[in-house]
Amino acid sequence: MPQEEIPSDVNESAVSDAKPSDSVLEPAWTGCRYSMKAFRFKAICLLILSVVLPAMAAYLVRSAGQEKYRLWLYGGTAALLVVLWAALLAKMIYRHYTISYKLDRDHLLLTRGFFRQTTDTILIPQIDDISKVQTLVDRLVNRVGTIEIYANDRSGGHILLEAVDDPHKAFESIDLLRKEYIRRRGIKPFVSYDQGGDVGDAGLHLE
């Protein structure tokens, strides 16, 4: 008996009807905001710079015969550091309060923006693949990570959840929900190919 294929452009209502709403599985990770810890390494570097630059200015004033430029050197150094710290703090606060992620057993929501806020919704059965990415700095210093999601929806198929606090728990929670949906509904991911042999949109088919 031939398998029934669900097209890659399946609408949300159709997928929503098939979601495992009767599942008792609740995710351990339910979401977070863009973590301020993502700026920890930059803050450390700026802190070091805040010590080095005044020391260099003092050296120039005292040892290089630049007494007449003392006010300019000290003032310029202080102004530069104030601008750098203000820019870092503004970026931290803006991203933390304008980017957030929320997960329940049926949806993943990505909200962005302040004056014009947008929310992208990804149904769990639309997630084809997921991966966790952490740089060396993210692992050792910032302690955050990026979750890459490849989805079969209108978002373009590639969604990034950046600066996620406790990325391992987030990855495990989303992946567990995806696998639970596949197990309960007997749905497998498949890859369709066009006539030219290129990989097309990923979709789902029923057993």
N, C-alpha and C. Protein backbone atom coordinates (compact mmCIF):
# COMPACT_ATOMS: atom_id res chain seq x y z
N MET A 1 0.85 -1.20 0.00
CA MET A 1 0.00 0.00 0.00
C MET A 1 0.88 1.24 0.00
N PRO A 2 0.73 2.13 -0.91
CA PRO A 2 1.62 3.31 -1.00
C PRO A 2 1.49 4.19 0.22
N GLN A 3 2.60 4.84 0.56
CA GLN A 3 2.60 5.73 1.71
C GLN A 3 1.98 7.07 1.33
N GLU A 4 1.26 7.62 2.28
CA GLU A 4 0.65 8.93 2.07
C GLU A 4 1.63 10.01 2.48
N GLU A 5 1.96 10.89 1.59
CA GLU A 5 2.92 11.94 1.85
C GLU A 5 2.21 13.25 2.19
N ILE A 6 2.77 13.93 3.19
CA ILE A 6 2.28 15.26 3.52
C ILE A 6 3.20 16.26 2.85
N PRO A 7 2.72 17.14 2.00
CA PRO A 7 3.59 18.08 1.28
C PRO A 7 4.37 18.97 2.23
N SER A 8 5.52 19.45 1.75
CA SER A 8 6.40 20.26 2.58
C SER A 8 5.79 21.58 2.96
N ASP A 9 4.82 22.07 2.19
CA ASP A 9 4.18 23.34 2.51
C ASP A 9 2.88 23.12 3.28
N VAL A 10 2.84 22.05 4.09
CA VAL A 10 1.64 21.74 4.85
C VAL A 10 1.31 22.92 5.73
N ASN A 11 0.01 23.26 5.81
CA ASN A 11 -0.36 24.42 6.62
C ASN A 11 -0.36 24.06 8.10
N GLU A 12 -0.35 25.09 8.92
CA GLU A 12 -0.21 24.89 10.36
C GLU A 12 -1.42 24.19 10.96
N SER A 13 -2.61 24.49 10.43
CA SER A 13 -3.80 23.89 10.99
C SER A 13 -3.81 22.38 10.80
N ALA A 14 -3.31 21.94 9.62
CA ALA A 14 -3.27 20.51 9.36
C ALA A 14 -2.32 19.81 10.30
N VAL A 15 -1.16 20.42 10.52
CA VAL A 15 -0.20 19.82 11.42
C VAL A 15 -0.68 19.89 12.85
N SER A 16 -1.35 21.02 13.17
CA SER A 16 -1.85 21.19 14.53
C SER A 16 -2.87 20.12 14.89
N ASP A 17 -3.68 19.70 13.90
CA ASP A 17 -4.67 18.66 14.16
C ASP A 17 -4.03 17.34 14.53
N ALA A 18 -2.78 17.16 14.04
CA ALA A 18 -2.12 15.89 14.28
C ALA A 18 -1.19 15.92 15.47
N LYS A 19 -1.11 17.04 16.18
CA LYS A 19 -0.15 17.17 17.26
C LYS A 19 -0.55 16.27 18.43
N PRO A 20 0.41 15.80 19.18
CA PRO A 20 0.11 14.89 20.29
C PRO A 20 -0.36 15.64 21.52
N SER A 21 -1.54 16.26 21.46
CA SER A 21 -2.03 17.06 22.57
C SER A 21 -2.32 16.22 23.79
N ASP A 22 -2.46 14.89 23.58
CA ASP A 22 -2.74 14.01 24.70
C ASP A 22 -1.46 13.54 25.37
N SER A 23 -0.33 14.04 24.91
CA SER A 23 0.94 13.63 25.49
C SER A 23 1.08 14.20 26.89
N VAL A 24 1.64 13.40 27.80
CA VAL A 24 1.87 13.86 29.17
C VAL A 24 3.26 14.43 29.31
N LEU A 25 4.03 14.38 28.24
CA LEU A 25 5.41 14.86 28.29
C LEU A 25 5.45 16.37 28.40
N GLU A 26 6.12 16.87 29.41
CA GLU A 26 6.31 18.31 29.58
C GLU A 26 7.80 18.61 29.50
N PRO A 27 8.19 19.63 28.73
CA PRO A 27 9.62 19.91 28.56
C PRO A 27 10.26 20.41 29.86
N ALA A 28 11.50 19.99 30.09
CA ALA A 28 12.24 20.46 31.26
C ALA A 28 12.66 21.91 31.09
N TRP A 29 12.92 22.31 29.85
CA TRP A 29 13.28 23.70 29.53
C TRP A 29 12.07 24.34 28.86
N THR A 30 11.60 25.43 29.42
CA THR A 30 10.40 26.06 28.88
C THR A 30 10.67 27.41 28.22
N GLY A 31 11.95 27.79 28.14
CA GLY A 31 12.28 29.02 27.45
C GLY A 31 13.15 29.94 28.30
N CYS A 32 13.60 31.02 27.68
CA CYS A 32 14.43 32.00 28.37
C CYS A 32 14.51 33.26 27.51
N ARG A 33 15.11 34.29 28.07
CA ARG A 33 15.44 35.48 27.30
C ARG A 33 16.86 35.36 26.75
N TYR A 34 17.19 36.23 25.82
CA TYR A 34 18.56 36.32 25.32
C TYR A 34 19.46 36.59 26.52
N SER A 35 20.37 35.67 26.81
CA SER A 35 21.12 35.74 28.06
C SER A 35 22.18 36.84 28.05
N MET A 36 22.22 37.60 29.14
CA MET A 36 23.25 38.62 29.29
C MET A 36 24.63 38.00 29.45
N LYS A 37 24.68 36.72 29.81
CA LYS A 37 25.97 36.06 29.97
C LYS A 37 26.72 35.95 28.65
N ALA A 38 26.00 36.13 27.54
CA ALA A 38 26.64 36.08 26.23
C ALA A 38 27.65 37.20 26.05
N PHE A 39 27.56 38.24 26.90
CA PHE A 39 28.47 39.38 26.80
C PHE A 39 29.58 39.32 27.86
N ARG A 40 29.67 38.21 28.56
CA ARG A 40 30.64 38.12 29.66
C ARG A 40 32.07 38.29 29.16
N PHE A 41 32.43 37.62 28.07
CA PHE A 41 33.80 37.70 27.55
C PHE A 41 34.12 39.12 27.09
N LYS A 42 33.17 39.76 26.41
CA LYS A 42 33.39 41.14 25.97
C LYS A 42 33.55 42.07 27.16
N ALA A 43 32.79 41.83 28.22
CA ALA A 43 32.90 42.66 29.41
C ALA A 43 34.27 42.49 30.07
N ILE A 44 34.79 41.25 30.08
CA ILE A 44 36.11 41.00 30.65
C ILE A 44 37.18 41.72 29.83
N CYS A 45 37.07 41.62 28.51
CA CYS A 45 38.04 42.31 27.64
C CYS A 45 37.97 43.83 27.84
N LEU A 46 36.77 44.35 27.97
CA LEU A 46 36.61 45.79 28.17
C LEU A 46 37.13 46.22 29.54
N LEU A 47 36.99 45.35 30.52
CA LEU A 47 37.52 45.64 31.85
C LEU A 47 39.05 45.72 31.82
N ILE A 48 39.67 44.80 31.10
CA ILE A 48 41.12 44.83 30.95
C ILE A 48 41.54 46.11 30.22
N LEU A 49 40.79 46.45 29.18
CA LEU A 49 41.08 47.68 28.43
C LEU A 49 40.93 48.92 29.31
N SER A 50 40.00 48.85 30.26
CA SER A 50 39.79 49.98 31.16
C SER A 50 40.96 50.20 32.11
N VAL A 51 41.77 49.16 32.29
CA VAL A 51 42.97 49.29 33.11
C VAL A 51 44.17 49.68 32.25
N VAL A 52 44.25 49.08 31.05
CA VAL A 52 45.41 49.30 30.19
C VAL A 52 45.45 50.71 29.62
N LEU A 53 44.32 51.21 29.14
CA LEU A 53 44.31 52.53 28.51
C LEU A 53 44.70 53.67 29.48
N PRO A 54 44.13 53.72 30.67
CA PRO A 54 44.59 54.77 31.60
C PRO A 54 46.07 54.63 31.96
N ALA A 55 46.55 53.38 32.07
CA ALA A 55 47.96 53.17 32.38
C ALA A 55 48.84 53.70 31.25
N MET A 56 48.42 53.47 30.01
CA MET A 56 49.17 53.98 28.86
C MET A 56 49.15 55.51 28.83
N ALA A 57 47.98 56.08 29.14
CA ALA A 57 47.89 57.54 29.17
C ALA A 57 48.80 58.13 30.23
N ALA A 58 48.82 57.49 31.40
CA ALA A 58 49.69 57.97 32.48
C ALA A 58 51.16 57.84 32.10
N TYR A 59 51.51 56.77 31.41
CA TYR A 59 52.90 56.58 30.97
C TYR A 59 53.32 57.68 29.99
N LEU A 60 52.42 57.99 29.05
CA LEU A 60 52.73 59.04 28.09
C LEU A 60 52.91 60.40 28.76
N VAL A 61 52.08 60.66 29.76
CA VAL A 61 52.16 61.95 30.44
C VAL A 61 53.44 62.08 31.25
N ARG A 62 53.79 61.00 31.97
CA ARG A 62 54.91 61.08 32.91
C ARG A 62 56.26 60.76 32.30
N SER A 63 56.29 59.85 31.35
CA SER A 63 57.58 59.36 30.84
C SER A 63 57.93 59.86 29.45
N ALA A 64 56.93 60.27 28.69
CA ALA A 64 57.22 60.66 27.32
C ALA A 64 57.16 62.16 27.11
N GLY A 65 57.17 62.92 28.20
CA GLY A 65 57.20 64.35 28.08
C GLY A 65 55.97 64.96 27.43
N GLN A 66 54.80 64.42 27.76
CA GLN A 66 53.56 64.92 27.16
C GLN A 66 52.67 65.60 28.20
N GLU A 67 53.30 66.34 29.15
CA GLU A 67 52.54 67.01 30.20
C GLU A 67 51.51 67.99 29.66
N LYS A 68 51.85 68.65 28.59
CA LYS A 68 50.92 69.65 28.06
C LYS A 68 49.67 69.04 27.45
N TYR A 69 49.74 67.71 27.16
CA TYR A 69 48.57 67.02 26.60
C TYR A 69 47.87 66.16 27.66
N ARG A 70 48.23 66.39 28.93
CA ARG A 70 47.68 65.54 29.99
C ARG A 70 46.16 65.55 30.02
N LEU A 71 45.57 66.73 29.97
CA LEU A 71 44.11 66.84 30.03
C LEU A 71 43.45 66.14 28.86
N TRP A 72 44.03 66.31 27.67
CA TRP A 72 43.47 65.66 26.48
C TRP A 72 43.59 64.15 26.55
N LEU A 73 44.74 63.67 27.02
CA LEU A 73 44.95 62.22 27.11
C LEU A 73 44.01 61.59 28.12
N TYR A 74 43.96 62.15 29.32
CA TYR A 74 43.08 61.60 30.34
C TYR A 74 41.61 61.74 29.96
N GLY A 75 41.27 62.92 29.46
CA GLY A 75 39.88 63.14 29.07
C GLY A 75 39.45 62.26 27.91
N GLY A 76 40.35 62.14 26.91
CA GLY A 76 40.02 61.29 25.77
C GLY A 76 39.90 59.83 26.15
N THR A 77 40.80 59.37 27.02
CA THR A 77 40.73 57.98 27.48
C THR A 77 39.44 57.70 28.24
N ALA A 78 39.10 58.62 29.16
CA ALA A 78 37.87 58.45 29.94
C ALA A 78 36.63 58.47 29.04
N ALA A 79 36.60 59.38 28.07
CA ALA A 79 35.45 59.48 27.17
C ALA A 79 35.30 58.21 26.33
N LEU A 80 36.43 57.70 25.84
CA LEU A 80 36.38 56.48 25.04
C LEU A 80 35.85 55.30 25.85
N LEU A 81 36.31 55.16 27.08
CA LEU A 81 35.86 54.05 27.92
C LEU A 81 34.38 54.18 28.27
N VAL A 82 33.93 55.39 28.51
CA VAL A 82 32.50 55.61 28.81
C VAL A 82 31.64 55.20 27.61
N VAL A 83 32.07 55.59 26.42
CA VAL A 83 31.32 55.24 25.21
C VAL A 83 31.29 53.72 25.01
N LEU A 84 32.43 53.05 25.20
CA LEU A 84 32.50 51.60 25.01
C LEU A 84 31.63 50.86 26.02
N TRP A 85 31.68 51.27 27.29
CA TRP A 85 30.86 50.63 28.31
C TRP A 85 29.38 50.90 28.07
N ALA A 86 29.04 52.11 27.68
CA ALA A 86 27.64 52.45 27.42
C ALA A 86 27.09 51.63 26.24
N ALA A 87 27.92 51.48 25.20
CA ALA A 87 27.48 50.70 24.03
C ALA A 87 27.27 49.23 24.41
N LEU A 88 28.18 48.68 25.22
CA LEU A 88 28.04 47.29 25.64
C LEU A 88 26.81 47.09 26.50
N LEU A 89 26.62 47.96 27.47
CA LEU A 89 25.45 47.84 28.35
C LEU A 89 24.14 48.02 27.59
N ALA A 90 24.12 48.96 26.66
CA ALA A 90 22.91 49.19 25.86
C ALA A 90 22.57 47.96 25.02
N LYS A 91 23.60 47.35 24.44
CA LYS A 91 23.38 46.15 23.63
C LYS A 91 22.90 44.98 24.49
N MET A 92 23.49 44.83 25.67
CA MET A 92 23.08 43.77 26.59
C MET A 92 21.60 43.92 26.96
N ILE A 93 21.23 45.13 27.39
CA ILE A 93 19.86 45.36 27.85
C ILE A 93 18.87 45.21 26.70
N TYR A 94 19.23 45.76 25.53
CA TYR A 94 18.32 45.70 24.39
C TYR A 94 18.03 44.25 23.98
N ARG A 95 19.08 43.47 23.82
CA ARG A 95 18.87 42.09 23.37
C ARG A 95 18.17 41.25 24.44
N HIS A 96 18.51 41.49 25.70
CA HIS A 96 17.90 40.70 26.76
C HIS A 96 16.39 40.93 26.83
N TYR A 97 15.97 42.17 26.63
CA TYR A 97 14.55 42.49 26.79
C TYR A 97 13.77 42.52 25.48
N THR A 98 14.41 42.24 24.36
CA THR A 98 13.69 42.24 23.08
C THR A 98 13.75 40.89 22.36
N ILE A 99 14.50 39.92 22.90
CA ILE A 99 14.58 38.60 22.28
C ILE A 99 14.28 37.56 23.36
N SER A 100 13.29 36.74 23.11
CA SER A 100 12.94 35.70 24.08
C SER A 100 12.46 34.45 23.35
N TYR A 101 12.59 33.32 24.04
CA TYR A 101 12.18 32.03 23.50
C TYR A 101 11.25 31.36 24.51
N LYS A 102 10.22 30.69 23.98
CA LYS A 102 9.28 29.99 24.84
C LYS A 102 8.94 28.64 24.22
N LEU A 103 8.94 27.61 25.05
CA LEU A 103 8.66 26.26 24.57
C LEU A 103 7.57 25.62 25.41
N ASP A 104 6.56 25.05 24.73
CA ASP A 104 5.64 24.15 25.40
C ASP A 104 5.66 22.84 24.63
N ARG A 105 4.79 21.92 24.94
CA ARG A 105 4.89 20.59 24.33
C ARG A 105 4.42 20.57 22.87
N ASP A 106 3.85 21.69 22.39
CA ASP A 106 3.36 21.73 21.02
C ASP A 106 4.03 22.78 20.15
N HIS A 107 4.57 23.85 20.77
CA HIS A 107 5.09 24.98 20.00
C HIS A 107 6.43 25.46 20.54
N LEU A 108 7.18 26.08 19.64
CA LEU A 108 8.35 26.86 20.01
C LEU A 108 8.12 28.27 19.49
N LEU A 109 8.19 29.26 20.37
CA LEU A 109 7.93 30.64 19.99
C LEU A 109 9.19 31.47 20.13
N LEU A 110 9.50 32.24 19.09
CA LEU A 110 10.63 33.15 19.08
C LEU A 110 10.08 34.57 18.93
N THR A 111 10.28 35.39 19.97
CA THR A 111 9.76 36.76 19.98
C THR A 111 10.91 37.74 19.90
N ARG A 112 10.77 38.72 19.00
CA ARG A 112 11.81 39.74 18.80
C ARG A 112 11.19 41.11 18.64
N GLY A 113 11.95 42.14 19.03
CA GLY A 113 11.53 43.50 18.79
C GLY A 113 11.09 44.23 20.04
N PHE A 114 11.09 45.56 19.95
CA PHE A 114 10.65 46.42 21.05
C PHE A 114 9.49 47.29 20.59
N PHE A 115 9.75 48.21 19.68
CA PHE A 115 8.69 49.05 19.15
C PHE A 115 7.77 48.25 18.23
N ARG A 116 8.36 47.37 17.44
CA ARG A 116 7.59 46.49 16.57
C ARG A 116 7.96 45.05 16.89
N GLN A 117 7.15 44.42 17.68
CA GLN A 117 7.46 43.08 18.16
C GLN A 117 6.85 42.02 17.24
N THR A 118 7.64 41.04 16.89
CA THR A 118 7.16 39.94 16.05
C THR A 118 7.40 38.62 16.78
N THR A 119 6.49 37.69 16.58
CA THR A 119 6.61 36.36 17.19
C THR A 119 6.48 35.30 16.10
N ASP A 120 7.50 34.47 15.98
CA ASP A 120 7.48 33.35 15.05
C ASP A 120 7.12 32.08 15.82
N THR A 121 6.17 31.33 15.30
CA THR A 121 5.74 30.10 15.94
C THR A 121 6.13 28.90 15.09
N ILE A 122 6.79 27.96 15.72
CA ILE A 122 7.19 26.72 15.04
C ILE A 122 6.52 25.57 15.76
N LEU A 123 5.71 24.82 15.05
CA LEU A 123 5.09 23.65 15.63
C LEU A 123 6.13 22.53 15.78
N ILE A 124 6.05 21.80 16.85
CA ILE A 124 7.02 20.74 17.10
C ILE A 124 7.11 19.74 15.95
N PRO A 125 5.98 19.31 15.34
CA PRO A 125 6.09 18.36 14.22
C PRO A 125 6.73 18.96 12.97
N GLN A 126 6.88 20.28 12.92
CA GLN A 126 7.53 20.90 11.76
C GLN A 126 9.06 20.92 11.89
N ILE A 127 9.57 20.54 13.04
CA ILE A 127 11.03 20.54 13.25
C ILE A 127 11.61 19.26 12.67
N ASP A 128 12.47 19.42 11.67
CA ASP A 128 13.09 18.27 11.01
C ASP A 128 14.40 17.87 11.67
N ASP A 129 15.15 18.85 12.15
CA ASP A 129 16.44 18.55 12.76
C ASP A 129 16.82 19.67 13.71
N ILE A 130 17.70 19.38 14.65
CA ILE A 130 18.12 20.36 15.64
C ILE A 130 19.56 20.08 16.03
N SER A 131 20.32 21.13 16.27
CA SER A 131 21.71 20.97 16.69
C SER A 131 22.08 22.06 17.69
N LYS A 132 23.08 21.77 18.50
CA LYS A 132 23.57 22.72 19.50
C LYS A 132 24.98 23.16 19.09
N VAL A 133 25.23 24.48 19.12
CA VAL A 133 26.52 25.04 18.72
C VAL A 133 27.07 25.89 19.86
N GLN A 134 28.32 25.62 20.26
CA GLN A 134 28.99 26.41 21.28
C GLN A 134 30.44 26.64 20.88
N THR A 135 30.85 27.90 20.84
CA THR A 135 32.25 28.20 20.61
C THR A 135 33.04 27.92 21.89
N LEU A 136 34.37 27.97 21.78
CA LEU A 136 35.21 27.74 22.95
C LEU A 136 34.93 28.80 24.02
N VAL A 137 34.77 30.05 23.59
CA VAL A 137 34.47 31.13 24.53
C VAL A 137 33.11 30.92 25.19
N ASP A 138 32.13 30.48 24.42
CA ASP A 138 30.80 30.24 24.97
C ASP A 138 30.83 29.12 26.00
N ARG A 139 31.63 28.08 25.76
CA ARG A 139 31.70 26.96 26.69
C ARG A 139 32.44 27.32 27.98
N LEU A 140 33.58 28.01 27.85
CA LEU A 140 34.44 28.23 29.00
C LEU A 140 34.13 29.51 29.77
N VAL A 141 33.65 30.54 29.08
CA VAL A 141 33.47 31.84 29.73
C VAL A 141 31.99 32.23 29.81
N ASN A 142 31.35 32.34 28.67
CA ASN A 142 29.97 32.85 28.65
C ASN A 142 28.96 31.85 29.19
N ARG A 143 29.23 30.57 28.99
CA ARG A 143 28.33 29.49 29.43
C ARG A 143 26.94 29.61 28.80
N VAL A 144 26.93 29.93 27.51
CA VAL A 144 25.69 29.96 26.74
C VAL A 144 25.91 29.17 25.45
N GLY A 145 24.89 29.06 24.64
CA GLY A 145 25.02 28.37 23.37
C GLY A 145 23.95 28.79 22.39
N THR A 146 24.07 28.30 21.17
CA THR A 146 23.12 28.57 20.11
C THR A 146 22.44 27.28 19.69
N ILE A 147 21.14 27.30 19.59
CA ILE A 147 20.37 26.15 19.12
C ILE A 147 19.96 26.42 17.68
N GLU A 148 20.39 25.55 16.78
CA GLU A 148 20.02 25.66 15.37
C GLU A 148 18.86 24.71 15.08
N ILE A 149 17.80 25.25 14.51
CA ILE A 149 16.62 24.45 14.21
C ILE A 149 16.35 24.50 12.71
N TYR A 150 16.16 23.34 12.13
CA TYR A 150 15.81 23.23 10.71
C TYR A 150 14.36 22.78 10.65
N ALA A 151 13.51 23.68 10.17
CA ALA A 151 12.07 23.43 10.23
C ALA A 151 11.44 23.44 8.86
N ASN A 152 10.36 22.72 8.76
CA ASN A 152 9.58 22.65 7.53
C ASN A 152 8.40 23.61 7.64
N ASP A 153 8.71 24.93 7.57
CA ASP A 153 7.66 25.93 7.67
C ASP A 153 8.02 27.13 6.80
N ARG A 154 7.28 28.22 6.94
CA ARG A 154 7.45 29.38 6.08
C ARG A 154 8.57 30.32 6.55
N SER A 155 9.29 29.96 7.60
CA SER A 155 10.35 30.83 8.13
C SER A 155 11.63 30.75 7.32
N GLY A 156 11.69 29.88 6.33
CA GLY A 156 12.91 29.71 5.55
C GLY A 156 13.65 28.45 5.91
N GLY A 157 13.23 27.79 6.99
CA GLY A 157 13.79 26.49 7.32
C GLY A 157 14.94 26.50 8.29
N HIS A 158 15.55 27.66 8.55
CA HIS A 158 16.71 27.71 9.45
C HIS A 158 16.48 28.79 10.50
N ILE A 159 16.33 28.37 11.76
CA ILE A 159 16.06 29.29 12.86
C ILE A 159 17.17 29.17 13.88
N LEU A 160 17.64 30.31 14.37
CA LEU A 160 18.70 30.34 15.37
C LEU A 160 18.14 30.87 16.69
N LEU A 161 18.35 30.11 17.75
CA LEU A 161 18.07 30.58 19.10
C LEU A 161 19.42 30.90 19.72
N GLU A 162 19.78 32.18 19.72
CA GLU A 162 21.11 32.59 20.16
C GLU A 162 21.14 32.94 21.64
N ALA A 163 22.34 32.83 22.23
CA ALA A 163 22.56 33.19 23.63
C ALA A 163 21.55 32.50 24.55
N VAL A 164 21.43 31.19 24.40
CA VAL A 164 20.51 30.41 25.22
C VAL A 164 21.22 29.98 26.50
N ASP A 165 20.64 30.33 27.62
CA ASP A 165 21.17 29.90 28.91
C ASP A 165 20.84 28.41 29.10
N ASP A 166 21.82 27.64 29.55
CA ASP A 166 21.68 26.19 29.68
C ASP A 166 21.29 25.56 28.34
N PRO A 167 22.16 25.68 27.33
CA PRO A 167 21.81 25.19 25.99
C PRO A 167 21.61 23.69 25.92
N HIS A 168 22.28 22.94 26.80
CA HIS A 168 22.12 21.48 26.76
C HIS A 168 20.69 21.10 27.13
N LYS A 169 20.14 21.72 28.17
CA LYS A 169 18.76 21.42 28.57
C LYS A 169 17.79 21.85 27.48
N ALA A 170 18.05 22.99 26.85
CA ALA A 170 17.17 23.45 25.77
C ALA A 170 17.19 22.47 24.61
N PHE A 171 18.39 22.05 24.22
CA PHE A 171 18.53 21.10 23.11
C PHE A 171 17.81 19.80 23.42
N GLU A 172 18.05 19.25 24.61
CA GLU A 172 17.45 17.98 24.99
C GLU A 172 15.93 18.08 25.04
N SER A 173 15.41 19.20 25.53
CA SER A 173 13.96 19.35 25.65
C SER A 173 13.28 19.40 24.29
N ILE A 174 13.83 20.21 23.39
CA ILE A 174 13.23 20.33 22.06
C ILE A 174 13.36 19.03 21.29
N ASP A 175 14.52 18.41 21.37
CA ASP A 175 14.74 17.15 20.64
C ASP A 175 13.86 16.04 21.19
N LEU A 176 13.67 16.01 22.51
CA LEU A 176 12.82 14.98 23.11
C LEU A 176 11.37 15.13 22.67
N LEU A 177 10.88 16.37 22.60
CA LEU A 177 9.52 16.60 22.12
C LEU A 177 9.37 16.15 20.67
N ARG A 178 10.38 16.48 19.86
CA ARG A 178 10.34 16.09 18.45
C ARG A 178 10.30 14.56 18.30
N LYS A 179 11.14 13.87 19.06
CA LYS A 179 11.17 12.40 18.99
C LYS A 179 9.90 11.79 19.55
N GLU A 180 9.34 12.42 20.58
CA GLU A 180 8.09 11.92 21.16
C GLU A 180 6.95 12.03 20.16
N TYR A 181 6.93 13.13 19.41
CA TYR A 181 5.89 13.28 18.38
C TYR A 181 6.04 12.20 17.32
N ILE A 182 7.27 11.95 16.89
CA ILE A 182 7.51 10.92 15.87
C ILE A 182 7.08 9.55 16.40
N ARG A 183 7.42 9.27 17.66
CA ARG A 183 7.08 7.96 18.23
C ARG A 183 5.58 7.77 18.35
N ARG A 184 4.88 8.80 18.82
CA ARG A 184 3.44 8.67 19.06
C ARG A 184 2.62 8.67 17.79
N ARG A 185 3.07 9.39 16.76
CA ARG A 185 2.28 9.51 15.54
C ARG A 185 2.84 8.72 14.37
N GLY A 186 3.96 8.04 14.57
CA GLY A 186 4.51 7.22 13.50
C GLY A 186 4.91 8.03 12.30
N ILE A 187 5.51 9.21 12.52
CA ILE A 187 5.89 10.10 11.43
C ILE A 187 7.39 10.10 11.28
N LYS A 188 7.85 9.96 10.06
CA LYS A 188 9.26 9.99 9.75
C LYS A 188 9.59 11.21 8.90
N PRO A 189 10.78 11.80 9.10
CA PRO A 189 11.21 12.86 8.20
C PRO A 189 11.61 12.29 6.86
N PHE A 190 11.34 13.01 5.77
CA PHE A 190 11.83 12.57 4.48
C PHE A 190 12.34 13.77 3.72
N VAL A 191 13.16 13.52 2.74
CA VAL A 191 13.73 14.58 1.92
C VAL A 191 13.24 14.37 0.49
N SER A 192 12.63 15.39 -0.07
CA SER A 192 12.15 15.32 -1.45
C SER A 192 13.20 15.90 -2.38
N TYR A 193 13.26 15.38 -3.59
CA TYR A 193 14.23 15.82 -4.58
C TYR A 193 13.50 16.32 -5.82
N ASP A 194 14.01 17.41 -6.36
CA ASP A 194 13.39 17.92 -7.59
C ASP A 194 13.99 17.17 -8.77
N GLN A 195 13.59 17.56 -9.96
CA GLN A 195 14.02 16.83 -11.16
C GLN A 195 15.50 17.00 -11.43
N GLY A 196 16.06 18.08 -10.90
CA GLY A 196 17.49 18.30 -11.11
C GLY A 196 18.37 17.53 -10.16
N GLY A 197 17.77 16.85 -9.17
CA GLY A 197 18.56 16.06 -8.26
C GLY A 197 18.99 16.81 -7.02
N ASP A 198 18.56 18.10 -6.85
CA ASP A 198 18.93 18.87 -5.67
C ASP A 198 18.00 18.52 -4.52
N VAL A 199 18.49 18.75 -3.31
CA VAL A 199 17.66 18.48 -2.16
C VAL A 199 16.63 19.56 -2.03
N GLY A 200 15.38 19.18 -1.86
CA GLY A 200 14.31 20.14 -1.71
C GLY A 200 13.95 20.32 -0.27
N ASP A 201 12.73 20.80 -0.03
CA ASP A 201 12.28 21.01 1.34
C ASP A 201 12.06 19.66 2.02
N ALA A 202 12.43 19.63 3.29
CA ALA A 202 12.18 18.43 4.07
C ALA A 202 10.72 18.40 4.47
N GLY A 203 10.17 17.21 4.62
CA GLY A 203 8.78 17.10 5.00
C GLY A 203 8.57 15.93 5.91
N LEU A 204 7.32 15.44 5.98
CA LEU A 204 6.98 14.32 6.83
C LEU A 204 6.14 13.34 6.02
N HIS A 205 6.24 12.06 6.39
CA HIS A 205 5.28 11.12 5.79
C HIS A 205 4.85 10.12 6.85
N LEU A 206 3.68 9.61 6.66
CA LEU A 206 3.10 8.68 7.61
C LEU A 206 3.44 7.26 7.23
N GLU A 207 3.64 6.43 8.24
CA GLU A 207 3.85 5.01 7.97
C GLU A 207 2.53 4.32 7.69
